[in-house]
């Protein structure tokens, strides 16, 4: 099953919130993504139905293994692409925004080539 780009963004953001705060709350996800609470409610409902997350009675979100795997992949792509663009001379803010757009559409082959290139030119 192919996951939608917006779902990838939600999962990636959830992982970032977990890493920053030690927990995941819908309100933090909404703030980070600049979306409304109802949008997050709709997204979390879809993510729960697909087995990517669970929510406890207090509303705290837990990434399930399938959701965590997608979140980690997207976060890795995001960080790698941001760093790559910065090394090319793009300012960090623009690099961050562009990486967010690129991370969903780039092929595995192209991403692997960027990773190889970045490793070869480190230091």
C-alpha atoms as a PDB file:
ATOM      1  CA  UNK A   1       0.000   0.000   0.000  1.00  0.00           C
ATOM      2  CA  UNK A   2       1.377   3.372  -1.007  1.00  0.00           C
ATOM      3  CA  UNK A   3       1.230   6.024   1.665  1.00  0.00           C
ATOM      4  CA  UNK A   4       0.206   9.605   0.879  1.00  0.00           C
ATOM      5  CA  UNK A   5       2.739  12.421   1.112  1.00  0.00           C
ATOM      6  CA  UNK A   6       0.700  14.132   3.821  1.00  0.00           C
ATOM      7  CA  UNK A   7       0.742  10.940   5.898  1.00  0.00           C
ATOM      8  CA  UNK A   8       4.516  10.766   5.487  1.00  0.00           C
ATOM      9  CA  UNK A   9       4.732  14.363   6.747  1.00  0.00           C
ATOM     10  CA  UNK A  10       2.565  13.559   9.764  1.00  0.00           C
ATOM     11  CA  UNK A  11       4.617  10.481  10.664  1.00  0.00           C
ATOM     12  CA  UNK A  12       7.899  12.354  10.221  1.00  0.00           C
ATOM     13  CA  UNK A  13       6.644  15.202  12.410  1.00  0.00           C
ATOM     14  CA  UNK A  14       5.459  12.744  15.057  1.00  0.00           C
ATOM     15  CA  UNK A  15       8.927  11.210  15.212  1.00  0.00           C
ATOM     16  CA  UNK A  16      10.479  14.677  15.522  1.00  0.00           C
ATOM     17  CA  UNK A  17       8.077  15.526  18.383  1.00  0.00           C
ATOM     18  CA  UNK A  18       8.926  12.245  20.104  1.00  0.00           C
ATOM     19  CA  UNK A  19      12.648  12.972  19.796  1.00  0.00           C
ATOM     20  CA  UNK A  20      12.260  16.577  21.020  1.00  0.00           C
ATOM     21  CA  UNK A  21       9.740  16.114  23.816  1.00  0.00           C
ATOM     22  CA  UNK A  22       9.720  12.410  24.621  1.00  0.00           C
ATOM     23  CA  UNK A  23       6.024  12.232  23.703  1.00  0.00           C
ATOM     24  CA  UNK A  24       3.699  13.052  20.801  1.00  0.00           C
ATOM     25  CA  UNK A  25       0.624  15.263  21.152  1.00  0.00           C
ATOM     26  CA  UNK A  26      -1.758  16.256  18.354  1.00  0.00           C
ATOM     27  CA  UNK A  27      -1.476  19.932  19.259  1.00  0.00           C
ATOM     28  CA  UNK A  28       2.310  19.859  18.792  1.00  0.00           C
ATOM     29  CA  UNK A  29       1.916  18.148  15.427  1.00  0.00           C
ATOM     30  CA  UNK A  30      -0.641  20.781  14.359  1.00  0.00           C
ATOM     31  CA  UNK A  31       1.652  23.625  15.399  1.00  0.00           C
ATOM     32  CA  UNK A  32       4.703  22.160  13.685  1.00  0.00           C
ATOM     33  CA  UNK A  33       2.867  21.517  10.406  1.00  0.00           C
ATOM     34  CA  UNK A  34       0.834  24.742  10.560  1.00  0.00           C
ATOM     35  CA  UNK A  35      -2.472  22.917  10.264  1.00  0.00           C
ATOM     36  CA  UNK A  36      -5.693  22.920  12.274  1.00  0.00           C
ATOM     37  CA  UNK A  37      -6.517  20.510  15.077  1.00  0.00           C
ATOM     38  CA  UNK A  38      -9.378  19.005  12.985  1.00  0.00           C
ATOM     39  CA  UNK A  39      -6.865  18.302  10.187  1.00  0.00           C
ATOM     40  CA  UNK A  40      -4.656  16.440  12.652  1.00  0.00           C
ATOM     41  CA  UNK A  41      -7.686  14.541  13.990  1.00  0.00           C
ATOM     42  CA  UNK A  42      -8.589  13.423  10.478  1.00  0.00           C
ATOM     43  CA  UNK A  43      -4.982  12.414   9.706  1.00  0.00           C
ATOM     44  CA  UNK A  44      -4.507  10.535  12.980  1.00  0.00           C
ATOM     45  CA  UNK A  45      -7.754   8.648  12.377  1.00  0.00           C
ATOM     46  CA  UNK A  46      -6.437   7.459   8.975  1.00  0.00           C
ATOM     47  CA  UNK A  47      -3.028   6.618  10.450  1.00  0.00           C
ATOM     48  CA  UNK A  48      -4.657   4.599  13.258  1.00  0.00           C
ATOM     49  CA  UNK A  49      -6.894   2.735  10.787  1.00  0.00           C
ATOM     50  CA  UNK A  50      -3.815   1.779   8.760  1.00  0.00           C
ATOM     51  CA  UNK A  51      -1.901   0.590  11.839  1.00  0.00           C
ATOM     52  CA  UNK A  52       0.790   3.304  11.747  1.00  0.00           C
ATOM     53  CA  UNK A  53      -0.024   4.814  15.152  1.00  0.00           C
ATOM     54  CA  UNK A  54      -2.025   4.227  18.307  1.00  0.00           C
ATOM     55  CA  UNK A  55      -3.464   6.779  20.722  1.00  0.00           C
ATOM     56  CA  UNK A  56      -4.066   6.332  24.422  1.00  0.00           C
ATOM     57  CA  UNK A  57      -7.033   7.686  26.401  1.00  0.00           C
ATOM     58  CA  UNK A  58      -5.187  10.932  27.131  1.00  0.00           C
ATOM     59  CA  UNK A  59      -4.499  11.510  23.424  1.00  0.00           C
ATOM     60  CA  UNK A  60      -0.795  10.692  23.449  1.00  0.00           C
ATOM     61  CA  UNK A  61       0.314   9.178  20.155  1.00  0.00           C
ATOM     62  CA  UNK A  62       2.608   6.176  19.785  1.00  0.00           C
ATOM     63  CA  UNK A  63       4.270   5.273  16.510  1.00  0.00           C
ATOM     64  CA  UNK A  64       3.740   1.617  15.668  1.00  0.00           C
ATOM     65  CA  UNK A  65       6.614  -0.274  13.957  1.00  0.00           C
ATOM     66  CA  UNK A  66       5.267   0.336  10.425  1.00  0.00           C
ATOM     67  CA  UNK A  67       4.725   4.039  11.142  1.00  0.00           C
ATOM     68  CA  UNK A  68       8.097   4.376  12.838  1.00  0.00           C
ATOM     69  CA  UNK A  69       9.859   2.832   9.825  1.00  0.00           C
ATOM     70  CA  UNK A  70       8.253   5.339   7.451  1.00  0.00           C
ATOM     71  CA  UNK A  71       8.928   8.232   9.834  1.00  0.00           C
ATOM     72  CA  UNK A  72      12.599   7.287  10.182  1.00  0.00           C
ATOM     73  CA  UNK A  73      13.023   6.978   6.428  1.00  0.00           C
ATOM     74  CA  UNK A  74      11.425  10.382   5.790  1.00  0.00           C
ATOM     75  CA  UNK A  75      13.409  12.077   8.553  1.00  0.00           C
ATOM     76  CA  UNK A  76      16.647  10.564   7.227  1.00  0.00           C
ATOM     77  CA  UNK A  77      15.827  11.726   3.705  1.00  0.00           C
ATOM     78  CA  UNK A  78      14.922  15.173   5.003  1.00  0.00           C
ATOM     79  CA  UNK A  79      18.124  15.621   7.003  1.00  0.00           C
ATOM     80  CA  UNK A  80      20.333  14.196   4.255  1.00  0.00           C
ATOM     81  CA  UNK A  81      18.768  16.370   1.556  1.00  0.00           C
ATOM     82  CA  UNK A  82      18.889  19.481   3.740  1.00  0.00           C
ATOM     83  CA  UNK A  83      22.585  18.949   4.422  1.00  0.00           C
ATOM     84  CA  UNK A  84      23.280  18.237   0.762  1.00  0.00           C
ATOM     85  CA  UNK A  85      21.544  21.444  -0.354  1.00  0.00           C
ATOM     86  CA  UNK A  86      23.353  23.514   2.282  1.00  0.00           C
ATOM     87  CA  UNK A  87      26.696  22.112   1.076  1.00  0.00           C
ATOM     88  CA  UNK A  88      25.708  23.189  -2.434  1.00  0.00           C
ATOM     89  CA  UNK A  89      25.401  26.754  -1.123  1.00  0.00           C
ATOM     90  CA  UNK A  90      21.662  26.991  -0.486  1.00  0.00           C
ATOM     91  CA  UNK A  91      20.802  28.938   2.658  1.00  0.00           C
ATOM     92  CA  UNK A  92      19.632  26.665   5.523  1.00  0.00           C
ATOM     93  CA  UNK A  93      16.032  27.922   5.612  1.00  0.00           C
ATOM     94  CA  UNK A  94      15.518  27.419   1.875  1.00  0.00           C
ATOM     95  CA  UNK A  95      17.350  24.080   1.983  1.00  0.00           C
ATOM     96  CA  UNK A  96      15.011  22.903   4.762  1.00  0.00           C
ATOM     97  CA  UNK A  97      11.895  23.925   2.820  1.00  0.00           C
ATOM     98  CA  UNK A  98      13.138  22.421  -0.446  1.00  0.00           C
ATOM     99  CA  UNK A  99      14.208  19.170   1.233  1.00  0.00           C
ATOM    100  CA  UNK A 100      10.663  18.809   2.564  1.00  0.00           C
ATOM    101  CA  UNK A 101       9.325  19.029  -0.988  1.00  0.00           C
ATOM    102  CA  UNK A 102      11.973  16.791  -2.565  1.00  0.00           C
ATOM    103  CA  UNK A 103      11.970  13.994   0.051  1.00  0.00           C
ATOM    104  CA  UNK A 104       8.629  12.584  -1.101  1.00  0.00           C
ATOM    105  CA  UNK A 105       9.207  12.568  -4.835  1.00  0.00           C
ATOM    106  CA  UNK A 106      12.836  11.582  -5.264  1.00  0.00           C
ATOM    107  CA  UNK A 107      13.501   8.008  -6.363  1.00  0.00           C
ATOM    108  CA  UNK A 108      15.452   5.584  -4.208  1.00  0.00           C
ATOM    109  CA  UNK A 109      18.130   5.463  -6.911  1.00  0.00           C
ATOM    110  CA  UNK A 110      18.601   9.244  -6.935  1.00  0.00           C
ATOM    111  CA  UNK A 111      18.581   9.435  -3.138  1.00  0.00           C
ATOM    112  CA  UNK A 112      21.220   6.693  -2.955  1.00  0.00           C
ATOM    113  CA  UNK A 113      23.363   8.607  -5.469  1.00  0.00           C
ATOM    114  CA  UNK A 114      23.071  11.778  -3.367  1.00  0.00           C
ATOM    115  CA  UNK A 115      24.090   9.806  -0.278  1.00  0.00           C
ATOM    116  CA  UNK A 116      27.111   8.342  -2.093  1.00  0.00           C
ATOM    117  CA  UNK A 117      28.109  11.766  -3.395  1.00  0.00           C
ATOM    118  CA  UNK A 118      27.755  13.320   0.068  1.00  0.00           C
ATOM    119  CA  UNK A 119      29.946  10.595   1.636  1.00  0.00           C
ATOM    120  CA  UNK A 120      32.613  11.001  -1.023  1.00  0.00           C
ATOM    121  CA  UNK A 121      32.776  14.755  -0.471  1.00  0.00           C
ATOM    122  CA  UNK A 122      32.680  14.916   3.332  1.00  0.00           C
ATOM    123  CA  UNK A 123      35.371  16.635   5.254  1.00  0.00           C
END
